[in-house]
């Protein structure tokens, strides 16, 4: 299958879903710019890959750093928003600082990145914004009040932005994965089930991203929900 070559910016590209997306797109011949807080994590050079060090949690410096990014890579015509982290617990277990930090990284930084890149994307013949939501964007769950809030925010944001961009060349899509077997769970006290039917792989999500990126210009994929056949949560000892 022949793909139209795109220049894709991937946030959170050094691990998990972001890394799988970057790898899949490179295999298809697209150019990829990977954002990470630490570019030393990119250890395998590729002719069509470039790294850009950017701390999305530093909101004050973010607009200036995105301007530098857009000047260095003016060909960007797609953005995949994979950066984020999980933090779970009862609301009273969170400090005010922790609430703000999680919302800033999982939602506010994503909206700032989209805002700063949108004017240039609207001048492209075809452009894509693909946001990584979660099953947590569909239903609130105990111990997930702040994480769910951050993902509900991404979902509402993407829906509204899709309508704002409807008369432009920019397509806005949202992917809501269930539990994906990645490093995301390394710092958490739970993880998905071990059997292949009890978790998603990062490559499964990357396949969905590839479908959206490579879709012909005449269609829009609004929202995709991906889930393992059997949801199993294992708690760590």
Protein backbone atom coordinates (compact mmCIF):
# COMPACT_ATOMS: atom_id res chain seq x y z
CA UNK A 1 0.00 0.00 0.00
CA UNK A 2 1.35 3.44 -0.99
CA UNK A 3 1.07 6.17 1.65
CA UNK A 4 1.19 9.92 1.06
CA UNK A 5 4.26 11.01 2.97
CA UNK A 6 3.36 13.05 6.04
CA UNK A 7 5.49 14.89 8.59
CA UNK A 8 4.15 13.82 11.98
CA UNK A 9 4.87 15.29 15.40
CA UNK A 10 4.49 12.74 18.21
CA UNK A 11 4.47 13.82 21.84
CA UNK A 12 5.55 11.24 24.41
CA UNK A 13 7.48 9.48 21.66
CA UNK A 14 10.15 7.96 23.87
CA UNK A 15 7.97 5.23 25.40
CA UNK A 16 4.71 3.32 25.29
CA UNK A 17 2.03 4.31 22.80
CA UNK A 18 4.00 7.29 21.50
CA UNK A 19 7.00 5.15 20.67
CA UNK A 20 4.85 2.52 18.95
CA UNK A 21 3.16 5.23 16.86
CA UNK A 22 6.52 6.71 15.86
CA UNK A 23 7.87 3.30 14.87
CA UNK A 24 4.79 2.39 12.82
CA UNK A 25 4.78 5.70 10.95
CA UNK A 26 8.50 5.46 10.19
CA UNK A 27 7.97 1.97 8.77
CA UNK A 28 5.36 3.45 6.44
CA UNK A 29 7.81 6.05 5.16
CA UNK A 30 6.51 9.09 7.02
CA UNK A 31 8.83 11.63 8.63
CA UNK A 32 8.49 11.74 12.43
CA UNK A 33 9.52 14.36 14.99
CA UNK A 34 9.48 12.94 18.49
CA UNK A 35 8.97 15.14 21.55
CA UNK A 36 10.44 14.01 24.85
CA UNK A 37 11.65 15.54 28.09
CA UNK A 38 14.86 13.56 27.60
CA UNK A 39 15.99 12.96 24.02
CA UNK A 40 18.78 10.64 25.22
CA UNK A 41 16.05 7.97 25.37
CA UNK A 42 16.05 7.87 21.56
CA UNK A 43 18.87 5.38 21.08
CA UNK A 44 18.21 4.06 17.55
CA UNK A 45 18.87 6.63 14.80
CA UNK A 46 16.59 6.66 11.76
CA UNK A 47 16.92 8.74 8.60
CA UNK A 48 13.34 10.03 8.83
CA UNK A 49 13.31 10.65 12.60
CA UNK A 50 14.23 13.82 14.47
CA UNK A 51 14.05 14.42 18.21
CA UNK A 52 13.02 17.64 19.94
CA UNK A 53 13.50 18.03 23.67
CA UNK A 54 10.48 19.67 25.27
CA UNK A 55 9.06 19.58 28.79
CA UNK A 56 5.29 19.83 28.37
CA UNK A 57 4.83 20.37 32.11
CA UNK A 58 6.65 23.74 31.91
CA UNK A 59 3.62 25.76 30.80
CA UNK A 60 5.34 29.13 31.10
CA UNK A 61 8.06 28.22 28.58
CA UNK A 62 5.79 26.13 26.37
CA UNK A 63 4.62 28.76 23.81
CA UNK A 64 8.21 29.91 23.15
CA UNK A 65 9.48 26.34 22.84
CA UNK A 66 6.66 25.38 20.46
CA UNK A 67 7.52 28.42 18.32
CA UNK A 68 11.10 27.14 18.09
CA UNK A 69 9.78 23.70 17.21
CA UNK A 70 7.54 25.00 14.42
CA UNK A 71 10.36 27.09 12.96
CA UNK A 72 12.72 24.11 12.96
CA UNK A 73 10.11 21.76 11.43
CA UNK A 74 7.74 23.85 9.25
CA UNK A 75 6.61 20.76 7.29
CA UNK A 76 4.62 19.31 10.24
CA UNK A 77 1.15 18.38 8.98
CA UNK A 78 -0.01 15.99 11.71
CA UNK A 79 0.27 15.84 15.49
CA UNK A 80 -0.30 12.83 17.73
CA UNK A 81 -0.79 13.76 21.38
CA UNK A 82 0.50 10.78 23.39
CA UNK A 83 2.20 12.51 26.33
CA UNK A 84 0.63 12.08 29.74
CA UNK A 85 0.76 10.06 32.92
CA UNK A 86 -1.51 8.24 35.31
CA UNK A 87 -2.08 9.04 38.97
CA UNK A 88 -4.89 7.42 40.90
CA UNK A 89 -6.37 7.63 44.37
CA UNK A 90 -9.25 9.13 46.29
CA UNK A 91 -9.68 12.87 45.82
CA UNK A 92 -8.67 13.56 49.42
CA UNK A 93 -5.36 11.78 48.80
CA UNK A 94 -4.35 14.41 46.23
CA UNK A 95 -2.67 17.65 47.19
CA UNK A 96 -3.76 20.80 45.38
CA UNK A 97 -0.38 20.87 43.66
CA UNK A 98 -0.81 17.27 42.44
CA UNK A 99 -4.28 18.05 41.03
CA UNK A 100 -2.94 21.01 39.09
CA UNK A 101 0.14 19.14 37.83
CA UNK A 102 -1.89 16.20 36.49
CA UNK A 103 -4.42 18.45 34.75
CA UNK A 104 -1.62 20.62 33.33
CA UNK A 105 0.24 17.70 31.76
CA UNK A 106 -2.70 15.59 30.62
CA UNK A 107 -4.88 18.41 29.33
CA UNK A 108 -3.62 22.01 29.48
CA UNK A 109 -0.29 21.34 27.77
CA UNK A 110 -2.06 19.44 24.98
CA UNK A 111 -4.42 22.36 24.33
CA UNK A 112 -1.51 24.83 24.26
CA UNK A 113 0.43 22.64 21.81
CA UNK A 114 -2.62 22.42 19.54
CA UNK A 115 -3.32 26.17 19.78
CA UNK A 116 0.24 27.15 18.87
CA UNK A 117 0.45 24.77 15.88
CA UNK A 118 -3.07 25.24 14.54
CA UNK A 119 -2.55 28.37 12.38
CA UNK A 120 0.23 26.69 10.37
CA UNK A 121 -1.72 23.42 10.13
CA UNK A 122 -4.71 25.25 8.65
CA UNK A 123 -2.49 26.36 5.76
CA UNK A 124 -1.69 22.76 4.84
CA UNK A 125 -3.62 20.88 2.15
CA UNK A 126 -4.39 18.21 4.76
CA UNK A 127 -3.58 18.14 8.47
CA UNK A 128 -4.46 15.87 11.40
CA UNK A 129 -4.69 16.34 15.15
CA UNK A 130 -5.00 12.97 16.90
CA UNK A 131 -5.60 13.06 20.64
CA UNK A 132 -5.04 10.08 22.92
CA UNK A 133 -7.99 9.83 25.25
CA UNK A 134 -8.77 6.78 27.36
CA UNK A 135 -11.58 4.55 28.49
CA UNK A 136 -11.40 6.95 31.46
CA UNK A 137 -12.78 9.64 29.13
CA UNK A 138 -16.00 7.66 28.77
CA UNK A 139 -16.89 6.69 32.34
CA UNK A 140 -15.79 8.00 35.70
CA UNK A 141 -14.41 5.43 38.13
CA UNK A 142 -13.54 5.27 41.80
CA UNK A 143 -9.95 6.36 42.56
CA UNK A 144 -9.81 8.07 39.15
CA UNK A 145 -11.49 11.43 39.79
CA UNK A 146 -8.60 13.62 38.61
CA UNK A 147 -7.28 11.31 35.90
CA UNK A 148 -10.81 10.87 34.51
CA UNK A 149 -11.31 14.63 34.64
CA UNK A 150 -8.17 15.17 32.58
CA UNK A 151 -9.30 12.66 29.95
CA UNK A 152 -12.90 13.91 29.91
CA UNK A 153 -11.39 17.35 29.26
CA UNK A 154 -9.41 16.01 26.28
CA UNK A 155 -12.56 14.41 24.89
CA UNK A 156 -14.65 17.55 25.17
CA UNK A 157 -11.81 19.65 23.81
CA UNK A 158 -11.34 17.44 20.76
CA UNK A 159 -15.08 17.39 20.03
CA UNK A 160 -15.31 21.19 20.16
CA UNK A 161 -12.09 21.68 18.20
CA UNK A 162 -13.33 19.31 15.50
CA UNK A 163 -16.33 21.58 15.02
CA UNK A 164 -14.12 24.69 15.00
CA UNK A 165 -11.92 23.15 12.30
CA UNK A 166 -14.77 21.73 10.21
CA UNK A 167 -14.38 24.24 7.37
CA UNK A 168 -10.58 23.96 7.27
CA UNK A 169 -8.20 21.24 6.11
CA UNK A 170 -7.60 20.11 9.71
CA UNK A 171 -9.14 16.81 10.84
CA UNK A 172 -9.49 16.18 14.58
CA UNK A 173 -9.70 12.63 15.92
CA UNK A 174 -9.77 11.01 19.35
CA UNK A 175 -8.69 7.49 20.30
CA UNK A 176 -9.90 6.01 23.60
CA UNK A 177 -7.87 2.91 24.48
CA UNK A 178 -8.64 0.57 27.30
CA UNK A 179 -5.74 -0.79 29.36
CA UNK A 180 -2.58 -0.95 27.26
CA UNK A 181 0.34 -3.10 28.40
CA UNK A 182 3.08 -0.42 28.59
CA UNK A 183 5.37 1.33 31.07
CA UNK A 184 2.36 3.45 32.05
CA UNK A 185 1.66 0.96 34.84
CA UNK A 186 5.24 0.77 36.17
CA UNK A 187 4.57 3.38 38.89
CA UNK A 188 1.00 2.30 39.62
CA UNK A 189 -0.29 -0.37 42.02
CA UNK A 190 -2.33 -2.16 39.35
CA UNK A 191 -1.91 -3.44 35.82
CA UNK A 192 -3.93 -5.21 33.12
CA UNK A 193 -4.31 -8.97 32.93
CA UNK A 194 -1.49 -11.05 31.46
CA UNK A 195 -3.43 -12.98 28.83
CA UNK A 196 -3.55 -11.53 25.32
CA UNK A 197 -7.33 -11.04 25.52
CA UNK A 198 -6.97 -9.01 28.74
CA UNK A 199 -4.92 -6.07 27.48
CA UNK A 200 -4.17 -3.98 24.44
CA UNK A 201 -0.70 -3.63 22.97
CA UNK A 202 0.80 -0.27 22.08
CA UNK A 203 0.96 -1.52 18.50
CA UNK A 204 -2.83 -1.93 18.50
CA UNK A 205 -3.21 1.77 19.23
CA UNK A 206 -0.52 2.61 16.68
CA UNK A 207 -2.55 0.71 14.06
CA UNK A 208 -5.54 2.96 14.83
CA UNK A 209 -3.36 6.05 14.51
CA UNK A 210 -2.02 4.80 11.17
CA UNK A 211 -5.58 4.25 9.93
CA UNK A 212 -6.47 7.87 10.71
CA UNK A 213 -3.26 9.39 9.34
CA UNK A 214 -3.49 7.43 6.09
CA UNK A 215 -7.23 7.86 5.54
CA UNK A 216 -8.07 9.63 2.30
CA UNK A 217 -8.70 13.35 2.52
CA UNK A 218 -12.44 13.03 1.97
CA UNK A 219 -13.24 11.36 5.30
CA UNK A 220 -12.96 12.17 9.00
CA UNK A 221 -12.63 9.59 11.77
CA UNK A 222 -14.18 11.30 14.77
CA UNK A 223 -13.56 8.88 17.63
CA UNK A 224 -12.33 5.31 18.06
CA UNK A 225 -12.78 3.19 21.19
CA UNK A 226 -10.39 0.25 21.58
CA UNK A 227 -10.72 -2.40 24.26
CA UNK A 228 -9.38 -5.86 25.07
CA UNK A 229 -11.93 -8.63 24.76
CA UNK A 230 -11.85 -9.18 28.54
CA UNK A 231 -11.12 -6.45 31.04
CA UNK A 232 -9.00 -7.78 33.91
CA UNK A 233 -7.28 -5.61 36.52
CA UNK A 234 -4.43 -7.17 38.52
CA UNK A 235 -3.30 -5.48 41.72
CA UNK A 236 0.40 -5.61 42.59
CA UNK A 237 1.49 -7.06 45.89
